[in-house]
Amino acid sequence: MSAYIAPSQIAQRQLAYFEGKHVLVAGEAEDLFPVELSKHCESVTVFTTNYGYYRQLQTNSSIASVFGAEFDQPTQADLVLLYWPKAKAEAEYLLAMLMSKLGNGTEIVVVGENRSGVKSVEKMFQPYGLINKYDSARRCSFYWGQCTQTVEPFSLQDWFKTYNVSYQQHNLTIKSLPGVFSHGEFDIGSQLLLDTLPNLQGKVLDFGCGAGVIGSVMAILNPTIELEMCDISALAIESSKATLAANNLKGHVFASDVYSDCAQDYQFIISNPPFHSGLDTSYSATEMLLTQAPKQLNASGELLIVANSFLKYPPIIEQAFGHCETLNKTNKFAIYYAKK
């Protein structure tokens, strides 16, 4: 059983493509294949929007790693290895940014699971040059192409999608980058959570802030709170910052891998936690969010989360806090509450 995800395994079969190259890895990479790759090419830099992956790579001196919403470092890279992301709009965003940054003559290898829609790279790459499929294995595809066109300058601002959300007579402007949860709409779970919230005071953490909808509404309804917002995604961080700014709201927005960069004196932790990781369902981050919550809260701190009703979170919350209350429930969602 390989330690690599399937897209890395197909790239591993084609190491000759990387020899002598300065490789920039981007997209949905999540294993240590870039470390092996560094033995076969001139240099490897990993650009990731995932803070957890960035932290994992930090211990490896053989590769450089860059975390952010935009790759803005000086680079010698002449080949991009793009792991196809699950959101098509995010793939468009990454291609526009990287081809603009690296320019004409840059080679590109794209790997991805067929079910992730990697085939759409054939059409999506047309403005930049030619790309062709050279291998398929493990239900994945391997493409090689080259940028042969002059590429438009990239501006992050052009990629924000702006939409309006109304809540209790308040109108909010939401700014969201590609691939960020709640991209272009107000989701029902978040609305149920906001409907159920008590009056807030003190230091409040919006965990997994996405585009910043929940945090912004909390700040409008409770102007005296000290608002903090965290997410593992750099695209979410930039979206939440832009949403706060668009509504003249204040809050500290930062990257965190679960609680890695969080304080330990919150009065409230409030979350609509994600349970998708890539194309698969993943609960591990949410389980850590729940089990470690008491350590991050002050002496009388409170936790409120919204979750799909079918998810078995109450036993986990009960184990962490000694109790778990269901404050609200629809046929799809439930609001769970616990106090330290």
Protein backbone atom coordinates (compact mmCIF):
# COMPACT_ATOMS: atom_id res chain seq x y z
CA MET A 1 0.00 0.00 0.00
CA SER A 2 1.61 3.26 -1.14
CA ALA A 3 1.92 6.14 1.31
CA TYR A 4 0.94 8.43 -1.56
CA ILE A 5 -2.48 9.52 -2.78
CA ALA A 6 -3.43 8.19 -6.22
CA PRO A 7 -2.55 11.42 -8.15
CA SER A 8 0.96 11.29 -6.63
CA GLN A 9 1.30 7.64 -7.62
CA ILE A 10 0.62 8.48 -11.28
CA ALA A 11 3.13 11.36 -11.11
CA GLN A 12 5.65 8.95 -9.57
CA ARG A 13 5.34 6.72 -12.67
CA GLN A 14 6.42 9.67 -14.84
CA LEU A 15 9.50 11.02 -13.04
CA ALA A 16 11.31 11.62 -16.34
CA TYR A 17 9.08 14.65 -16.97
CA PHE A 18 10.53 16.37 -13.90
CA GLU A 19 14.26 15.74 -14.39
CA GLY A 20 16.36 18.90 -14.52
CA LYS A 21 13.36 21.07 -13.71
CA HIS A 22 12.57 23.62 -11.04
CA VAL A 23 9.14 22.38 -9.98
CA LEU A 24 6.36 24.39 -8.37
CA VAL A 25 3.74 22.11 -6.80
CA ALA A 26 0.24 23.56 -6.35
CA GLY A 27 -3.39 22.52 -5.89
CA GLU A 28 -4.80 19.69 -3.79
CA ALA A 29 -1.49 18.05 -2.82
CA GLU A 30 -1.65 16.35 0.57
CA ASP A 31 1.26 13.90 0.89
CA LEU A 32 5.05 13.90 0.96
CA PHE A 33 5.57 13.08 -2.72
CA PRO A 34 7.17 16.55 -3.27
CA VAL A 35 9.98 15.45 -0.92
CA GLU A 36 10.71 12.41 -3.10
CA LEU A 37 10.36 14.55 -6.21
CA SER A 38 13.14 16.84 -4.95
CA LYS A 39 15.61 13.96 -5.43
CA HIS A 40 14.82 13.84 -9.15
CA CYS A 41 14.74 17.51 -10.15
CA GLU A 42 16.66 20.73 -9.53
CA SER A 43 14.35 22.18 -6.88
CA VAL A 44 10.84 21.83 -5.49
CA THR A 45 8.66 24.60 -4.08
CA VAL A 46 5.20 23.79 -2.79
CA PHE A 47 2.58 26.52 -2.93
CA THR A 48 -0.45 25.59 -0.83
CA THR A 49 -3.60 27.32 0.36
CA ASN A 50 -3.96 24.64 3.08
CA TYR A 51 -2.33 25.63 6.38
CA GLY A 52 -2.34 22.07 7.72
CA TYR A 53 -0.38 20.83 4.71
CA TYR A 54 1.98 23.80 4.98
CA ARG A 55 2.73 22.93 8.63
CA GLN A 56 3.33 19.30 7.67
CA LEU A 57 5.92 20.33 5.05
CA GLN A 58 7.71 22.83 7.30
CA THR A 59 9.93 20.14 8.80
CA ASN A 60 11.42 19.20 5.40
CA SER A 61 14.50 21.19 4.48
CA SER A 62 14.74 19.61 1.00
CA ILE A 63 11.78 21.62 -0.30
CA ALA A 64 10.55 25.20 0.07
CA SER A 65 6.93 25.76 1.07
CA VAL A 66 4.76 28.83 0.64
CA PHE A 67 1.33 29.33 2.23
CA GLY A 68 -1.13 31.95 1.04
CA ALA A 69 -3.99 32.80 -1.30
CA GLU A 70 -1.54 34.00 -3.95
CA PHE A 71 1.91 32.79 -4.92
CA ASP A 72 3.97 35.98 -4.75
CA GLN A 73 7.54 34.75 -4.20
CA PRO A 74 10.46 35.19 -6.59
CA THR A 75 10.91 31.81 -8.28
CA GLN A 76 13.03 29.88 -10.77
CA ALA A 77 10.16 27.45 -11.41
CA ASP A 78 9.84 26.31 -15.02
CA LEU A 79 7.36 23.47 -14.46
CA VAL A 80 4.12 23.46 -12.46
CA LEU A 81 2.82 20.21 -10.98
CA LEU A 82 -0.86 20.94 -10.38
CA TYR A 83 -2.95 18.58 -8.28
CA TRP A 84 -6.45 19.13 -9.62
CA PRO A 85 -8.64 20.75 -6.92
CA LYS A 86 -12.21 19.61 -6.23
CA ALA A 87 -13.68 23.04 -7.07
CA LYS A 88 -13.45 23.79 -10.80
CA ALA A 89 -13.43 27.54 -10.08
CA GLU A 90 -10.35 27.02 -7.88
CA ALA A 91 -8.58 25.26 -10.76
CA GLU A 92 -9.32 28.23 -13.03
CA TYR A 93 -8.02 30.58 -10.34
CA LEU A 94 -4.77 28.63 -9.82
CA LEU A 95 -4.09 28.34 -13.57
CA ALA A 96 -4.66 32.08 -14.12
CA MET A 97 -2.40 33.00 -11.20
CA LEU A 98 0.44 30.54 -11.90
CA MET A 99 0.57 31.02 -15.68
CA SER A 100 0.54 34.80 -15.19
CA LYS A 101 3.33 34.57 -12.62
CA LEU A 102 5.56 32.08 -14.50
CA GLY A 103 4.71 33.10 -18.04
CA ASN A 104 5.28 31.92 -21.56
CA GLY A 105 7.36 28.73 -21.90
CA THR A 106 6.32 27.27 -18.54
CA GLU A 107 5.60 23.55 -18.64
CA ILE A 108 2.71 22.10 -16.66
CA VAL A 109 1.84 18.63 -15.40
CA VAL A 110 -1.72 18.15 -14.14
CA VAL A 111 -2.69 15.09 -12.11
CA GLY A 112 -6.08 14.29 -10.64
CA GLU A 113 -8.74 11.72 -10.00
CA ASN A 114 -11.10 11.28 -12.95
CA ARG A 115 -14.12 11.79 -10.69
CA SER A 116 -12.76 15.22 -9.71
CA GLY A 117 -13.36 16.45 -13.25
CA VAL A 118 -9.66 16.68 -14.21
CA LYS A 119 -10.66 16.17 -17.86
CA SER A 120 -11.92 19.77 -17.92
CA VAL A 121 -8.28 20.94 -17.94
CA GLU A 122 -8.27 20.17 -21.69
CA LYS A 123 -10.67 23.05 -22.33
CA MET A 124 -9.59 25.23 -19.39
CA PHE A 125 -5.95 25.37 -20.51
CA GLN A 126 -6.78 26.56 -24.07
CA PRO A 127 -6.12 30.28 -23.33
CA TYR A 128 -2.58 29.38 -22.18
CA GLY A 129 -1.44 26.76 -24.67
CA LEU A 130 -1.72 23.07 -25.47
CA ILE A 131 -2.20 20.22 -23.01
CA ASN A 132 -2.52 16.48 -23.63
CA LYS A 133 -3.14 13.35 -21.60
CA TYR A 134 -0.12 11.02 -21.43
CA ASP A 135 -1.03 8.47 -18.78
CA SER A 136 -3.93 7.10 -16.81
CA ALA A 137 -3.84 4.74 -13.84
CA ARG A 138 -5.65 4.25 -10.54
CA ARG A 139 -8.66 6.13 -11.91
CA CYS A 140 -6.40 9.18 -12.34
CA SER A 141 -5.10 11.07 -15.35
CA PHE A 142 -1.70 12.62 -16.08
CA TYR A 143 -1.54 15.61 -18.44
CA TRP A 144 1.47 17.50 -19.77
CA GLY A 145 1.24 20.89 -21.41
CA GLN A 146 3.07 24.15 -22.02
CA CYS A 147 2.15 27.80 -21.78
CA THR A 148 2.70 29.25 -25.26
CA GLN A 149 0.59 32.41 -24.95
CA THR A 150 1.12 35.81 -23.36
CA VAL A 151 -0.92 35.75 -20.16
CA GLU A 152 -2.93 38.62 -18.67
CA PRO A 153 -1.61 40.04 -15.37
CA PHE A 154 -3.29 38.42 -12.37
CA SER A 155 -5.25 40.46 -9.84
CA LEU A 156 -6.65 38.76 -6.74
CA GLN A 157 -9.43 41.37 -6.54
CA ASP A 158 -10.88 40.18 -9.86
CA TRP A 159 -11.58 36.74 -8.39
CA PHE A 160 -13.85 37.74 -5.51
CA LYS A 161 -17.48 36.85 -6.00
CA THR A 162 -19.68 39.38 -4.21
CA TYR A 163 -23.17 38.61 -2.97
CA ASN A 164 -25.58 40.04 -0.43
CA VAL A 165 -27.04 38.37 2.61
CA SER A 166 -29.92 39.76 4.65
CA TYR A 167 -30.32 38.78 8.28
CA GLN A 168 -32.66 40.41 10.81
CA GLN A 169 -32.95 43.69 8.86
CA HIS A 170 -29.18 43.80 8.35
CA ASN A 171 -27.77 43.70 4.83
CA LEU A 172 -24.28 42.29 4.47
CA THR A 173 -21.89 42.19 1.54
CA ILE A 174 -20.09 38.85 1.37
CA LYS A 175 -16.83 38.48 -0.57
CA SER A 176 -15.76 34.99 -1.51
CA LEU A 177 -12.84 33.54 -3.45
CA PRO A 178 -13.15 30.35 -5.54
CA GLY A 179 -13.38 27.11 -3.58
CA VAL A 180 -14.49 28.78 -0.33
CA PHE A 181 -17.48 27.31 1.51
CA SER A 182 -20.72 29.28 1.03
CA HIS A 183 -19.45 30.58 -2.28
CA GLY A 184 -22.34 32.71 -3.55
CA GLU A 185 -25.08 31.81 -1.10
CA PHE A 186 -26.19 31.83 2.53
CA ASP A 187 -26.41 28.25 3.67
CA ILE A 188 -29.32 26.97 5.74
CA GLY A 189 -27.15 25.47 8.49
CA SER A 190 -25.43 28.81 9.17
CA GLN A 191 -28.80 30.54 9.27
CA LEU A 192 -30.15 28.06 11.84
CA LEU A 193 -27.01 28.55 13.94
CA LEU A 194 -27.41 32.34 13.90
CA ASP A 195 -31.13 32.01 14.76
CA THR A 196 -30.17 30.00 17.84
CA LEU A 197 -27.27 32.08 19.19
CA PRO A 198 -27.63 33.73 22.60
CA ASN A 199 -26.40 37.28 23.20
CA LEU A 200 -22.63 37.12 22.93
CA GLN A 201 -19.97 38.87 24.95
CA GLY A 202 -16.21 38.61 25.50
CA LYS A 203 -13.86 36.84 23.14
CA VAL A 204 -15.67 34.90 20.41
CA LEU A 205 -14.09 32.49 17.91
CA ASP A 206 -15.76 31.76 14.58
CA PHE A 207 -14.04 28.44 13.81
CA GLY A 208 -13.83 27.49 10.11
CA CYS A 209 -14.93 30.96 9.08
CA GLY A 210 -15.19 30.38 5.31
CA ALA A 211 -16.31 33.58 3.60
CA GLY A 212 -17.02 35.20 6.97
CA VAL A 213 -20.83 35.14 7.02
CA ILE A 214 -21.28 33.89 10.61
CA GLY A 215 -18.51 36.09 12.06
CA SER A 216 -19.84 39.21 10.34
CA VAL A 217 -23.41 38.67 11.51
CA MET A 218 -22.18 38.01 15.08
CA ALA A 219 -20.19 41.26 14.99
CA ILE A 220 -23.18 43.26 13.76
CA LEU A 221 -25.57 41.80 16.35
CA ASN A 222 -23.02 41.96 19.21
CA PRO A 223 -20.85 45.04 18.57
CA THR A 224 -18.91 44.75 21.86
CA ILE A 225 -17.44 41.27 21.27
CA GLU A 226 -13.77 40.65 20.58
CA LEU A 227 -14.14 38.66 17.36
CA GLU A 228 -11.59 36.14 16.12
CA MET A 229 -12.04 34.06 12.97
CA CYS A 230 -9.89 31.16 11.82
CA ASP A 231 -9.76 28.72 8.92
CA ILE A 232 -7.30 26.23 7.46
CA SER A 233 -7.70 27.75 3.98
CA ALA A 234 -5.81 30.84 2.84
CA LEU A 235 -8.63 31.50 0.36
CA ALA A 236 -11.10 31.55 3.26
CA ILE A 237 -8.83 33.85 5.30
CA GLU A 238 -8.68 36.40 2.46
CA SER A 239 -12.44 36.07 1.86
CA SER A 240 -13.28 36.70 5.52
CA LYS A 241 -10.92 39.68 5.71
CA ALA A 242 -12.56 41.15 2.58
CA THR A 243 -16.06 40.50 3.98
CA LEU A 244 -15.25 42.27 7.27
CA ALA A 245 -13.74 45.21 5.37
CA ALA A 246 -16.75 45.44 3.02
CA ASN A 247 -19.06 45.82 6.02
CA ASN A 248 -16.78 48.09 8.10
CA LEU A 249 -16.43 45.42 10.78
CA LYS A 250 -13.44 44.54 12.94
CA GLY A 251 -12.06 41.10 13.68
CA HIS A 252 -8.80 39.20 13.86
CA VAL A 253 -8.71 36.67 10.99
CA PHE A 254 -5.92 34.09 10.93
CA ALA A 255 -4.90 30.66 9.67
CA SER A 256 -5.12 27.74 12.07
CA ASP A 257 -4.84 23.97 11.72
CA VAL A 258 -7.70 23.10 14.09
CA TYR A 259 -6.53 25.02 17.22
CA SER A 260 -2.80 25.27 16.33
CA ASP A 261 -2.76 29.09 16.30
CA CYS A 262 -5.78 29.81 18.54
CA ALA A 263 -5.93 31.43 21.98
CA GLN A 264 -7.10 29.57 25.09
CA ASP A 265 -9.47 32.05 26.68
CA TYR A 266 -12.55 32.17 24.46
CA GLN A 267 -15.95 32.84 26.00
CA PHE A 268 -17.60 31.32 22.92
CA ILE A 269 -16.48 28.95 20.18
CA ILE A 270 -19.04 28.98 17.39
CA SER A 271 -18.77 26.87 14.27
CA ASN A 272 -20.42 25.46 11.20
CA PRO A 273 -17.66 22.86 10.91
CA PRO A 274 -16.67 21.38 7.57
CA PHE A 275 -16.90 17.64 7.08
CA HIS A 276 -15.50 17.34 3.58
CA SER A 277 -11.82 16.94 2.90
CA GLY A 278 -11.07 16.92 -0.82
CA LEU A 279 -13.58 14.60 -2.48
CA ASP A 280 -14.08 12.46 0.60
CA THR A 281 -15.98 12.90 3.84
CA SER A 282 -13.69 13.58 6.77
CA TYR A 283 -14.62 14.11 10.40
CA SER A 284 -11.19 14.21 12.03
CA ALA A 285 -10.87 18.02 12.15
CA THR A 286 -14.35 18.40 13.63
CA GLU A 287 -13.69 15.67 16.20
CA MET A 288 -10.58 17.58 17.31
CA LEU A 289 -12.59 20.82 17.33
CA LEU A 290 -15.04 19.20 19.77
CA THR A 291 -12.71 17.13 21.98
CA GLN A 292 -10.19 19.96 22.48
CA ALA A 293 -12.74 22.79 22.83
CA PRO A 294 -12.67 22.83 26.67
CA LYS A 295 -8.91 23.57 26.59
CA GLN A 296 -9.50 26.64 24.38
CA LEU A 297 -12.36 28.07 26.43
CA ASN A 298 -12.19 30.18 29.57
CA ALA A 299 -13.63 28.89 32.88
CA SER A 300 -17.26 29.46 31.87
CA GLY A 301 -16.76 29.15 28.10
CA GLU A 302 -19.47 27.88 25.74
CA LEU A 303 -19.50 25.89 22.50
CA LEU A 304 -22.23 26.08 19.84
CA ILE A 305 -22.07 24.20 16.56
CA VAL A 306 -24.41 23.36 13.72
CA ALA A 307 -24.13 19.92 12.14
CA ASN A 308 -26.01 17.65 9.77
CA SER A 309 -28.41 15.70 12.00
CA PHE A 310 -26.98 12.34 10.86
CA LEU A 311 -23.51 13.14 12.24
CA LYS A 312 -22.86 11.53 15.62
CA TYR A 313 -21.43 14.56 17.42
CA PRO A 314 -23.38 14.56 20.73
CA PRO A 315 -21.43 11.60 22.23
CA ILE A 316 -18.12 13.35 21.39
CA ILE A 317 -19.32 16.62 22.95
CA GLU A 318 -20.62 14.74 26.01
CA GLN A 319 -17.26 13.07 26.48
CA ALA A 320 -15.45 16.44 26.28
CA PHE A 321 -17.84 18.53 28.38
CA GLY A 322 -19.82 15.99 30.41
CA HIS A 323 -23.06 17.08 28.69
CA CYS A 324 -24.49 18.14 25.34
CA GLU A 325 -27.76 19.95 24.68
CA THR A 326 -29.64 20.11 21.40
CA LEU A 327 -30.93 23.70 21.20
CA ASN A 328 -32.58 23.52 17.80
CA LYS A 329 -33.29 20.90 15.17
CA THR A 330 -34.72 20.65 11.68
CA ASN A 331 -35.00 17.49 9.59
CA LYS A 332 -31.55 18.27 8.22
CA PHE A 333 -29.58 20.19 10.89
CA ALA A 334 -29.10 20.27 14.65
CA ILE A 335 -27.59 22.92 16.93
CA TYR A 336 -25.49 21.44 19.74
CA TYR A 337 -24.46 23.35 22.85
CA ALA A 338 -22.15 22.70 25.79
CA LYS A 339 -20.81 24.85 28.61
CA LYS A 340 -17.56 24.27 30.47
